[in-house]
Amino acid sequence: MHINWRNGVLYLLLLGLCFYGGRWAAKMDSRAELAVHGDKQGRLAILIDDFGYHGEGTEEMLALPIPFTAAVMPFSDCTEEDARLVRQAGKEIFIHMPMEALTGKREWVGKKGIFREMEDCAVCERVEEAYAILPDATGLNNHMGSAIMEDERCLSAVLEVLREKNAVFVDSMTTANSKGQALAEEKGVPFLGRDVFLDSTDSVEQVKANLRKAAEVATEKGYAVAIGHVGPEGGKVTVEAIAALIPELEQAGISFVTVGELVKQPNLCYTTP
């Protein structure tokens, strides 16, 4: 009897190990399946700045086989040409609005930027002028702009126009003291904050590392916004890195979307990191 009792216990232990081992294996298989095919819950919106100068990497960026948002400078020599190319490529258009910065030269913003000395009506007119040039823009983000992003009055005037146009505002996060999120929420303007800057480096590997970081953020909270550039701040280096990582990120469950598509997704909180 003593031997039979021990055998019974061993039998039950083996049965339990088989049962839970099978469940564990099934769980691991499920995770492996998710890693390969992805559930498309990690949504990554890449916003590429500085179209409008026809800078290095413009054509290559627009040839990428993924959706992304192209932020076009509204008052530049090549604004209309680059906007036409963006439309032909089927990419989403944003206004990359020049705004006064706390540091740097005023001419870096340009003559038609938004400056703190402007009255509210002048700020609104400047944004309206940008929309007259890029009427199909689904939203706007700031070019430079640390001074304006900290200025409640000027930023409120910008957001008033966006509210009227049912447009999205993306805060490029050029200052830690930005009032963008609070004012956008107050005015009911769809808002997203930049999670990761991809470039401003000559290293393809560094851009890849930044893109993987953006993918991690997207996986953790369901979405992320990553900002890159054409021209000297990014260009072909950024294109090469994005193109190389598309298969890897898609296999990891990342879905590439435009900013406009991202704000339409249900159950997402549009906040800064």
C-alpha atoms as a PDB file:
ATOM      1  CA  MET A   1       0.000   0.000   0.000  1.00  0.00           C
ATOM      2  CA  HIS A   2       2.826   2.341   0.864  1.00  0.00           C
ATOM      3  CA  ILE A   3       4.371   1.799  -2.572  1.00  0.00           C
ATOM      4  CA  ASN A   4       1.041   2.293  -4.319  1.00  0.00           C
ATOM      5  CA  TRP A   5       0.451   5.571  -2.418  1.00  0.00           C
ATOM      6  CA  ARG A   6       3.833   6.890  -3.499  1.00  0.00           C
ATOM      7  CA  ASN A   7       3.149   5.812  -7.052  1.00  0.00           C
ATOM      8  CA  GLY A   8      -0.185   7.642  -6.936  1.00  0.00           C
ATOM      9  CA  VAL A   9       1.463  10.826  -5.760  1.00  0.00           C
ATOM     10  CA  LEU A  10       4.096  10.567  -8.451  1.00  0.00           C
ATOM     11  CA  TYR A  11       1.375   9.962 -11.012  1.00  0.00           C
ATOM     12  CA  LEU A  12      -0.520  13.060  -9.897  1.00  0.00           C
ATOM     13  CA  LEU A  13       2.667  15.130  -9.970  1.00  0.00           C
ATOM     14  CA  LEU A  14       3.458  13.971 -13.480  1.00  0.00           C
ATOM     15  CA  LEU A  15      -0.109  14.667 -14.568  1.00  0.00           C
ATOM     16  CA  GLY A  16       0.092  18.187 -13.121  1.00  0.00           C
ATOM     17  CA  LEU A  17       3.431  18.849 -14.792  1.00  0.00           C
ATOM     18  CA  CYS A  18       2.040  17.730 -18.122  1.00  0.00           C
ATOM     19  CA  PHE A  19      -1.040  19.920 -17.705  1.00  0.00           C
ATOM     20  CA  TYR A  20       0.741  23.080 -16.645  1.00  0.00           C
ATOM     21  CA  GLY A  21       3.653  22.386 -18.930  1.00  0.00           C
ATOM     22  CA  GLY A  22       1.237  22.194 -21.818  1.00  0.00           C
ATOM     23  CA  ARG A  23      -0.373  25.478 -20.814  1.00  0.00           C
ATOM     24  CA  TRP A  24       3.051  27.131 -20.480  1.00  0.00           C
ATOM     25  CA  ALA A  25       4.109  25.825 -23.890  1.00  0.00           C
ATOM     26  CA  ALA A  26       0.877  27.066 -25.439  1.00  0.00           C
ATOM     27  CA  LYS A  27       1.453  30.466 -23.845  1.00  0.00           C
ATOM     28  CA  MET A  28       4.999  30.591 -25.202  1.00  0.00           C
ATOM     29  CA  ASP A  29       3.730  29.567 -28.645  1.00  0.00           C
ATOM     30  CA  SER A  30       1.180  32.367 -28.447  1.00  0.00           C
ATOM     31  CA  ARG A  31       3.884  34.869 -27.548  1.00  0.00           C
ATOM     32  CA  ALA A  32       6.064  33.609 -30.372  1.00  0.00           C
ATOM     33  CA  GLU A  33       3.155  33.948 -32.773  1.00  0.00           C
ATOM     34  CA  LEU A  34       2.597  37.516 -31.567  1.00  0.00           C
ATOM     35  CA  ALA A  35       6.251  38.360 -32.047  1.00  0.00           C
ATOM     36  CA  VAL A  36       6.186  37.075 -35.602  1.00  0.00           C
ATOM     37  CA  HIS A  37       2.843  38.364 -36.776  1.00  0.00           C
ATOM     38  CA  GLY A  38       2.068  41.131 -34.308  1.00  0.00           C
ATOM     39  CA  ASP A  39      -1.334  42.209 -33.053  1.00  0.00           C
ATOM     40  CA  LYS A  40      -0.900  45.674 -34.573  1.00  0.00           C
ATOM     41  CA  GLN A  41      -1.497  47.355 -31.220  1.00  0.00           C
ATOM     42  CA  GLY A  42       1.820  49.186 -31.182  1.00  0.00           C
ATOM     43  CA  ARG A  43       1.075  52.109 -33.504  1.00  0.00           C
ATOM     44  CA  LEU A  44       3.982  54.292 -34.598  1.00  0.00           C
ATOM     45  CA  ALA A  45       3.405  57.625 -36.313  1.00  0.00           C
ATOM     46  CA  ILE A  46       6.545  58.975 -37.956  1.00  0.00           C
ATOM     47  CA  LEU A  47       6.437  62.719 -38.595  1.00  0.00           C
ATOM     48  CA  ILE A  48       9.101  63.929 -41.023  1.00  0.00           C
ATOM     49  CA  ASP A  49       9.898  67.648 -40.737  1.00  0.00           C
ATOM     50  CA  ASP A  50      11.436  70.194 -43.108  1.00  0.00           C
ATOM     51  CA  PHE A  51       9.763  69.408 -46.406  1.00  0.00           C
ATOM     52  CA  GLY A  52       9.551  72.652 -48.357  1.00  0.00           C
ATOM     53  CA  TYR A  53      13.268  73.126 -48.977  1.00  0.00           C
ATOM     54  CA  HIS A  54      13.550  70.076 -51.245  1.00  0.00           C
ATOM     55  CA  GLY A  55      16.393  68.976 -49.031  1.00  0.00           C
ATOM     56  CA  GLU A  56      18.502  65.857 -49.265  1.00  0.00           C
ATOM     57  CA  GLY A  57      16.503  62.665 -49.029  1.00  0.00           C
ATOM     58  CA  THR A  58      13.184  64.181 -50.104  1.00  0.00           C
ATOM     59  CA  GLU A  59      12.488  61.724 -52.944  1.00  0.00           C
ATOM     60  CA  GLU A  60      13.906  58.756 -51.049  1.00  0.00           C
ATOM     61  CA  MET A  61      11.785  59.527 -47.986  1.00  0.00           C
ATOM     62  CA  LEU A  62       8.604  59.810 -50.029  1.00  0.00           C
ATOM     63  CA  ALA A  63       9.379  56.458 -51.662  1.00  0.00           C
ATOM     64  CA  LEU A  64       9.261  54.598 -48.338  1.00  0.00           C
ATOM     65  CA  PRO A  65       6.559  51.900 -48.479  1.00  0.00           C
ATOM     66  CA  ILE A  66       4.908  52.925 -45.207  1.00  0.00           C
ATOM     67  CA  PRO A  67       2.442  55.649 -44.257  1.00  0.00           C
ATOM     68  CA  PHE A  68       3.912  58.666 -42.493  1.00  0.00           C
ATOM     69  CA  THR A  69       3.174  62.360 -42.058  1.00  0.00           C
ATOM     70  CA  ALA A  70       5.172  64.959 -43.995  1.00  0.00           C
ATOM     71  CA  ALA A  71       5.474  68.324 -42.237  1.00  0.00           C
ATOM     72  CA  VAL A  72       5.930  71.005 -44.897  1.00  0.00           C
ATOM     73  CA  MET A  73       7.382  74.458 -44.254  1.00  0.00           C
ATOM     74  CA  PRO A  74       4.609  76.775 -45.523  1.00  0.00           C
ATOM     75  CA  PHE A  75       6.638  79.819 -46.581  1.00  0.00           C
ATOM     76  CA  SER A  76       9.678  78.323 -48.308  1.00  0.00           C
ATOM     77  CA  ASP A  77      10.894  78.443 -51.915  1.00  0.00           C
ATOM     78  CA  CYS A  78       9.990  74.812 -52.588  1.00  0.00           C
ATOM     79  CA  THR A  79       6.788  74.593 -50.526  1.00  0.00           C
ATOM     80  CA  GLU A  80       4.459  74.040 -53.478  1.00  0.00           C
ATOM     81  CA  GLU A  81       6.802  71.613 -55.238  1.00  0.00           C
ATOM     82  CA  ASP A  82       7.383  69.483 -52.155  1.00  0.00           C
ATOM     83  CA  ALA A  83       3.693  69.520 -51.244  1.00  0.00           C
ATOM     84  CA  ARG A  84       2.886  68.262 -54.744  1.00  0.00           C
ATOM     85  CA  LEU A  85       5.407  65.439 -54.328  1.00  0.00           C
ATOM     86  CA  VAL A  86       3.963  64.539 -50.942  1.00  0.00           C
ATOM     87  CA  ARG A  87       0.466  64.311 -52.420  1.00  0.00           C
ATOM     88  CA  GLN A  88       1.691  62.220 -55.350  1.00  0.00           C
ATOM     89  CA  ALA A  89       3.348  59.833 -52.893  1.00  0.00           C
ATOM     90  CA  GLY A  90       0.089  59.485 -50.973  1.00  0.00           C
ATOM     91  CA  LYS A  91       1.532  60.767 -47.696  1.00  0.00           C
ATOM     92  CA  GLU A  92      -0.282  62.921 -45.165  1.00  0.00           C
ATOM     93  CA  ILE A  93       0.524  66.666 -45.092  1.00  0.00           C
ATOM     94  CA  PHE A  94       1.132  68.712 -41.961  1.00  0.00           C
ATOM     95  CA  ILE A  95       2.095  72.365 -41.614  1.00  0.00           C
ATOM     96  CA  HIS A  96       5.543  72.741 -40.074  1.00  0.00           C
ATOM     97  CA  MET A  97       4.951  76.195 -38.603  1.00  0.00           C
ATOM     98  CA  PRO A  98       8.015  78.384 -37.954  1.00  0.00           C
ATOM     99  CA  MET A  99       7.889  79.838 -34.445  1.00  0.00           C
ATOM    100  CA  GLU A 100      10.166  82.015 -32.359  1.00  0.00           C
ATOM    101  CA  ALA A 101      12.721  80.175 -30.253  1.00  0.00           C
ATOM    102  CA  LEU A 102      14.304  81.126 -26.947  1.00  0.00           C
ATOM    103  CA  THR A 103      17.759  80.712 -28.465  1.00  0.00           C
ATOM    104  CA  GLY A 104      19.265  81.018 -31.931  1.00  0.00           C
ATOM    105  CA  LYS A 105      18.990  83.654 -34.611  1.00  0.00           C
ATOM    106  CA  ARG A 106      15.698  85.248 -35.576  1.00  0.00           C
ATOM    107  CA  GLU A 107      16.377  84.664 -39.263  1.00  0.00           C
ATOM    108  CA  TRP A 108      16.399  80.924 -38.612  1.00  0.00           C
ATOM    109  CA  VAL A 109      12.643  81.212 -38.052  1.00  0.00           C
ATOM    110  CA  GLY A 110      12.122  83.310 -41.191  1.00  0.00           C
ATOM    111  CA  LYS A 111      10.217  86.481 -41.920  1.00  0.00           C
ATOM    112  CA  LYS A 112       6.843  84.760 -41.748  1.00  0.00           C
ATOM    113  CA  GLY A 113       7.221  82.951 -38.481  1.00  0.00           C
ATOM    114  CA  ILE A 114       5.167  83.494 -35.353  1.00  0.00           C
ATOM    115  CA  PHE A 115       6.783  85.886 -32.875  1.00  0.00           C
ATOM    116  CA  ARG A 116       5.874  86.965 -29.366  1.00  0.00           C
ATOM    117  CA  GLU A 117       5.449  90.634 -30.309  1.00  0.00           C
ATOM    118  CA  MET A 118       2.635  89.767 -32.717  1.00  0.00           C
ATOM    119  CA  GLU A 119      -0.941  90.533 -31.664  1.00  0.00           C
ATOM    120  CA  ASP A 120      -3.447  87.705 -31.489  1.00  0.00           C
ATOM    121  CA  CYS A 121      -5.103  88.641 -34.781  1.00  0.00           C
ATOM    122  CA  ALA A 122      -1.709  88.694 -36.525  1.00  0.00           C
ATOM    123  CA  VAL A 123      -0.901  85.219 -35.197  1.00  0.00           C
ATOM    124  CA  CYS A 124      -4.244  83.896 -36.443  1.00  0.00           C
ATOM    125  CA  GLU A 125      -3.712  85.519 -39.836  1.00  0.00           C
ATOM    126  CA  ARG A 126      -0.274  83.919 -40.141  1.00  0.00           C
ATOM    127  CA  VAL A 127      -1.671  80.454 -39.434  1.00  0.00           C
ATOM    128  CA  GLU A 128      -4.545  81.079 -41.853  1.00  0.00           C
ATOM    129  CA  GLU A 129      -2.011  82.114 -44.481  1.00  0.00           C
ATOM    130  CA  ALA A 130      -0.167  78.837 -43.987  1.00  0.00           C
ATOM    131  CA  TYR A 131      -3.428  76.941 -44.462  1.00  0.00           C
ATOM    132  CA  ALA A 132      -4.175  78.905 -47.619  1.00  0.00           C
ATOM    133  CA  ILE A 133      -0.907  77.539 -49.027  1.00  0.00           C
ATOM    134  CA  LEU A 134      -1.410  74.007 -47.658  1.00  0.00           C
ATOM    135  CA  PRO A 135      -5.210  73.681 -47.486  1.00  0.00           C
ATOM    136  CA  ASP A 136      -5.176  69.891 -47.215  1.00  0.00           C
ATOM    137  CA  ALA A 137      -2.970  69.843 -44.108  1.00  0.00           C
ATOM    138  CA  THR A 138      -4.554  67.680 -41.415  1.00  0.00           C
ATOM    139  CA  GLY A 139      -2.641  69.370 -38.639  1.00  0.00           C
ATOM    140  CA  LEU A 140       0.317  71.463 -37.552  1.00  0.00           C
ATOM    141  CA  ASN A 141       3.505  71.098 -35.544  1.00  0.00           C
ATOM    142  CA  ASN A 142       6.042  73.663 -34.431  1.00  0.00           C
ATOM    143  CA  HIS A 143       9.345  74.339 -36.183  1.00  0.00           C
ATOM    144  CA  MET A 144      11.707  75.476 -33.412  1.00  0.00           C
ATOM    145  CA  GLY A 145       9.231  77.507 -31.333  1.00  0.00           C
ATOM    146  CA  SER A 146      10.408  77.083 -27.740  1.00  0.00           C
ATOM    147  CA  ALA A 147       9.478  80.710 -26.963  1.00  0.00           C
ATOM    148  CA  ILE A 148       5.984  80.420 -28.451  1.00  0.00           C
ATOM    149  CA  MET A 149       5.327  77.054 -26.819  1.00  0.00           C
ATOM    150  CA  GLU A 150       5.904  78.736 -23.436  1.00  0.00           C
ATOM    151  CA  ASP A 151       3.760  81.763 -24.321  1.00  0.00           C
ATOM    152  CA  GLU A 152       0.122  81.116 -23.404  1.00  0.00           C
ATOM    153  CA  ARG A 153      -1.294  84.049 -25.360  1.00  0.00           C
ATOM    154  CA  CYS A 154       0.438  83.362 -28.678  1.00  0.00           C
ATOM    155  CA  LEU A 155      -0.056  79.617 -28.517  1.00  0.00           C
ATOM    156  CA  SER A 156      -3.737  80.086 -27.677  1.00  0.00           C
ATOM    157  CA  ALA A 157      -4.158  82.092 -30.881  1.00  0.00           C
ATOM    158  CA  VAL A 158      -2.558  79.294 -32.914  1.00  0.00           C
ATOM    159  CA  LEU A 159      -4.815  76.690 -31.330  1.00  0.00           C
ATOM    160  CA  GLU A 160      -7.922  78.774 -31.961  1.00  0.00           C
ATOM    161  CA  VAL A 161      -7.333  78.420 -35.685  1.00  0.00           C
ATOM    162  CA  LEU A 162      -6.675  74.693 -35.377  1.00  0.00           C
ATOM    163  CA  ARG A 163      -9.906  74.237 -33.443  1.00  0.00           C
ATOM    164  CA  GLU A 164     -11.861  75.954 -36.197  1.00  0.00           C
ATOM    165  CA  LYS A 165     -10.298  73.673 -38.777  1.00  0.00           C
ATOM    166  CA  ASN A 166     -10.712  70.476 -36.706  1.00  0.00           C
ATOM    167  CA  ALA A 167      -6.963  70.031 -37.059  1.00  0.00           C
ATOM    168  CA  VAL A 168      -4.437  68.120 -34.968  1.00  0.00           C
ATOM    169  CA  PHE A 169      -1.619  69.754 -33.043  1.00  0.00           C
ATOM    170  CA  VAL A 170       1.661  67.918 -32.504  1.00  0.00           C
ATOM    171  CA  ASP A 171       4.019  69.451 -29.963  1.00  0.00           C
ATOM    172  CA  SER A 172       7.579  68.888 -31.179  1.00  0.00           C
ATOM    173  CA  MET A 173       8.648  69.265 -27.536  1.00  0.00           C
ATOM    174  CA  THR A 174      11.402  71.833 -28.062  1.00  0.00           C
ATOM    175  CA  THR A 175      10.993  72.997 -24.453  1.00  0.00           C
ATOM    176  CA  ALA A 176      10.241  71.176 -21.230  1.00  0.00           C
ATOM    177  CA  ASN A 177       8.022  74.095 -20.211  1.00  0.00           C
ATOM    178  CA  SER A 178       5.588  73.748 -23.097  1.00  0.00           C
ATOM    179  CA  LYS A 179       1.989  74.770 -22.487  1.00  0.00           C
ATOM    180  CA  GLY A 180       0.855  72.832 -25.542  1.00  0.00           C
ATOM    181  CA  GLN A 181      -0.945  69.945 -23.879  1.00  0.00           C
ATOM    182  CA  ALA A 182      -2.809  72.029 -21.292  1.00  0.00           C
ATOM    183  CA  LEU A 183      -4.011  74.610 -23.820  1.00  0.00           C
ATOM    184  CA  ALA A 184      -4.966  71.989 -26.417  1.00  0.00           C
ATOM    185  CA  GLU A 185      -7.042  70.114 -23.850  1.00  0.00           C
ATOM    186  CA  GLU A 186      -8.672  73.381 -22.762  1.00  0.00           C
ATOM    187  CA  LYS A 187      -9.649  74.229 -26.334  1.00  0.00           C
ATOM    188  CA  GLY A 188     -10.583  70.726 -27.403  1.00  0.00           C
ATOM    189  CA  VAL A 189      -7.834  70.431 -30.024  1.00  0.00           C
ATOM    190  CA  PRO A 190      -6.561  66.874 -30.700  1.00  0.00           C
ATOM    191  CA  PHE A 191      -3.044  66.797 -29.296  1.00  0.00           C
ATOM    192  CA  LEU A 192       0.009  64.565 -29.454  1.00  0.00           C
ATOM    193  CA  GLY A 193       3.467  65.128 -28.046  1.00  0.00           C
ATOM    194  CA  ARG A 194       6.667  63.951 -29.669  1.00  0.00           C
ATOM    195  CA  ASP A 195       8.084  60.873 -27.943  1.00  0.00           C
ATOM    196  CA  VAL A 196      11.404  60.455 -29.759  1.00  0.00           C
ATOM    197  CA  PHE A 197      13.636  62.498 -32.057  1.00  0.00           C
ATOM    198  CA  LEU A 198      15.092  60.121 -34.637  1.00  0.00           C
ATOM    199  CA  ASP A 199      17.995  61.976 -36.167  1.00  0.00           C
ATOM    200  CA  SER A 200      20.254  65.068 -36.190  1.00  0.00           C
ATOM    201  CA  THR A 201      23.124  62.604 -36.494  1.00  0.00           C
ATOM    202  CA  ASP A 202      25.274  61.184 -39.275  1.00  0.00           C
ATOM    203  CA  SER A 203      25.024  57.683 -37.791  1.00  0.00           C
ATOM    204  CA  VAL A 204      22.552  55.284 -39.373  1.00  0.00           C
ATOM    205  CA  GLU A 205      22.979  52.980 -36.383  1.00  0.00           C
ATOM    206  CA  GLN A 206      22.035  55.768 -33.990  1.00  0.00           C
ATOM    207  CA  VAL A 207      18.878  56.514 -35.965  1.00  0.00           C
ATOM    208  CA  LYS A 208      18.057  52.795 -35.852  1.00  0.00           C
ATOM    209  CA  ALA A 209      18.531  52.813 -32.082  1.00  0.00           C
ATOM    210  CA  ASN A 210      16.217  55.809 -31.772  1.00  0.00           C
ATOM    211  CA  LEU A 211      13.627  54.143 -33.973  1.00  0.00           C
ATOM    212  CA  ARG A 212      13.739  50.997 -31.827  1.00  0.00           C
ATOM    213  CA  LYS A 213      13.242  53.210 -28.788  1.00  0.00           C
ATOM    214  CA  ALA A 214      10.150  54.705 -30.418  1.00  0.00           C
ATOM    215  CA  ALA A 215       8.877  51.190 -31.122  1.00  0.00           C
ATOM    216  CA  GLU A 216       9.350  50.275 -27.459  1.00  0.00           C
ATOM    217  CA  VAL A 217       7.299  53.298 -26.413  1.00  0.00           C
ATOM    218  CA  ALA A 218       4.588  52.332 -28.899  1.00  0.00           C
ATOM    219  CA  THR A 219       4.496  48.793 -27.530  1.00  0.00           C
ATOM    220  CA  GLU A 220       4.303  49.964 -23.937  1.00  0.00           C
ATOM    221  CA  LYS A 221       1.558  52.582 -24.258  1.00  0.00           C
ATOM    222  CA  GLY A 222      -0.063  51.575 -27.553  1.00  0.00           C
ATOM    223  CA  TYR A 223       1.273  54.407 -29.698  1.00  0.00           C
ATOM    224  CA  ALA A 224       4.208  56.750 -30.190  1.00  0.00           C
ATOM    225  CA  VAL A 225       5.186  59.778 -32.255  1.00  0.00           C
ATOM    226  CA  ALA A 226       8.709  59.911 -33.672  1.00  0.00           C
ATOM    227  CA  ILE A 227      10.046  62.984 -35.463  1.00  0.00           C
ATOM    228  CA  GLY A 228      12.708  62.869 -38.172  1.00  0.00           C
ATOM    229  CA  HIS A 229      13.844  65.205 -40.932  1.00  0.00           C
ATOM    230  CA  VAL A 230      14.741  65.563 -44.562  1.00  0.00           C
ATOM    231  CA  GLY A 231      17.677  67.810 -45.372  1.00  0.00           C
ATOM    232  CA  PRO A 232      20.801  68.304 -43.242  1.00  0.00           C
ATOM    233  CA  GLU A 233      19.153  67.219 -39.971  1.00  0.00           C
ATOM    234  CA  GLY A 234      18.310  63.771 -41.315  1.00  0.00           C
ATOM    235  CA  GLY A 235      17.950  63.137 -45.028  1.00  0.00           C
ATOM    236  CA  LYS A 236      19.300  59.944 -46.534  1.00  0.00           C
ATOM    237  CA  VAL A 237      20.708  58.746 -43.195  1.00  0.00           C
ATOM    238  CA  THR A 238      17.217  58.736 -41.722  1.00  0.00           C
ATOM    239  CA  VAL A 239      15.716  57.120 -44.816  1.00  0.00           C
ATOM    240  CA  GLU A 240      18.281  54.319 -44.750  1.00  0.00           C
ATOM    241  CA  ALA A 241      17.610  53.581 -41.081  1.00  0.00           C
ATOM    242  CA  ILE A 242      13.824  53.555 -41.443  1.00  0.00           C
ATOM    243  CA  ALA A 243      13.900  51.398 -44.576  1.00  0.00           C
ATOM    244  CA  ALA A 244      16.193  48.863 -42.907  1.00  0.00           C
ATOM    245  CA  LEU A 245      14.014  48.510 -39.798  1.00  0.00           C
ATOM    246  CA  ILE A 246      10.558  48.279 -41.383  1.00  0.00           C
ATOM    247  CA  PRO A 247      10.504  44.429 -41.518  1.00  0.00           C
ATOM    248  CA  GLU A 248      11.931  44.078 -38.015  1.00  0.00           C
ATOM    249  CA  LEU A 249       9.427  46.447 -36.428  1.00  0.00           C
ATOM    250  CA  GLU A 250       6.447  45.029 -38.294  1.00  0.00           C
ATOM    251  CA  GLN A 251       7.381  41.512 -37.156  1.00  0.00           C
ATOM    252  CA  ALA A 252       7.523  42.854 -33.589  1.00  0.00           C
ATOM    253  CA  GLY A 253       3.911  44.011 -33.861  1.00  0.00           C
ATOM    254  CA  ILE A 254       4.441  47.650 -34.826  1.00  0.00           C
ATOM    255  CA  SER A 255       1.951  49.217 -37.211  1.00  0.00           C
ATOM    256  CA  PHE A 256       3.038  52.338 -39.092  1.00  0.00           C
ATOM    257  CA  VAL A 257       0.329  55.000 -39.234  1.00  0.00           C
ATOM    258  CA  THR A 258      -0.034  58.688 -39.985  1.00  0.00           C
ATOM    259  CA  VAL A 259      -0.681  61.206 -37.223  1.00  0.00           C
ATOM    260  CA  GLY A 260      -4.203  61.643 -38.551  1.00  0.00           C
ATOM    261  CA  GLU A 261      -4.843  57.910 -38.362  1.00  0.00           C
ATOM    262  CA  LEU A 262      -3.401  57.760 -34.881  1.00  0.00           C
ATOM    263  CA  VAL A 263      -5.783  60.314 -33.381  1.00  0.00           C
ATOM    264  CA  LYS A 264      -8.731  58.366 -34.789  1.00  0.00           C
ATOM    265  CA  GLN A 265      -7.800  55.247 -32.838  1.00  0.00           C
ATOM    266  CA  PRO A 266     -10.123  54.554 -29.874  1.00  0.00           C
ATOM    267  CA  ASN A 267      -9.043  54.270 -26.246  1.00  0.00           C
ATOM    268  CA  LEU A 268      -5.812  56.197 -26.571  1.00  0.00           C
ATOM    269  CA  CYS A 269      -4.759  59.038 -24.291  1.00  0.00           C
ATOM    270  CA  TYR A 270      -3.033  61.737 -26.292  1.00  0.00           C
ATOM    271  CA  THR A 271      -0.507  62.991 -23.822  1.00  0.00           C
ATOM    272  CA  THR A 272       3.173  63.750 -23.726  1.00  0.00           C
ATOM    273  CA  PRO A 273       5.518  61.094 -22.301  1.00  0.00           C
END
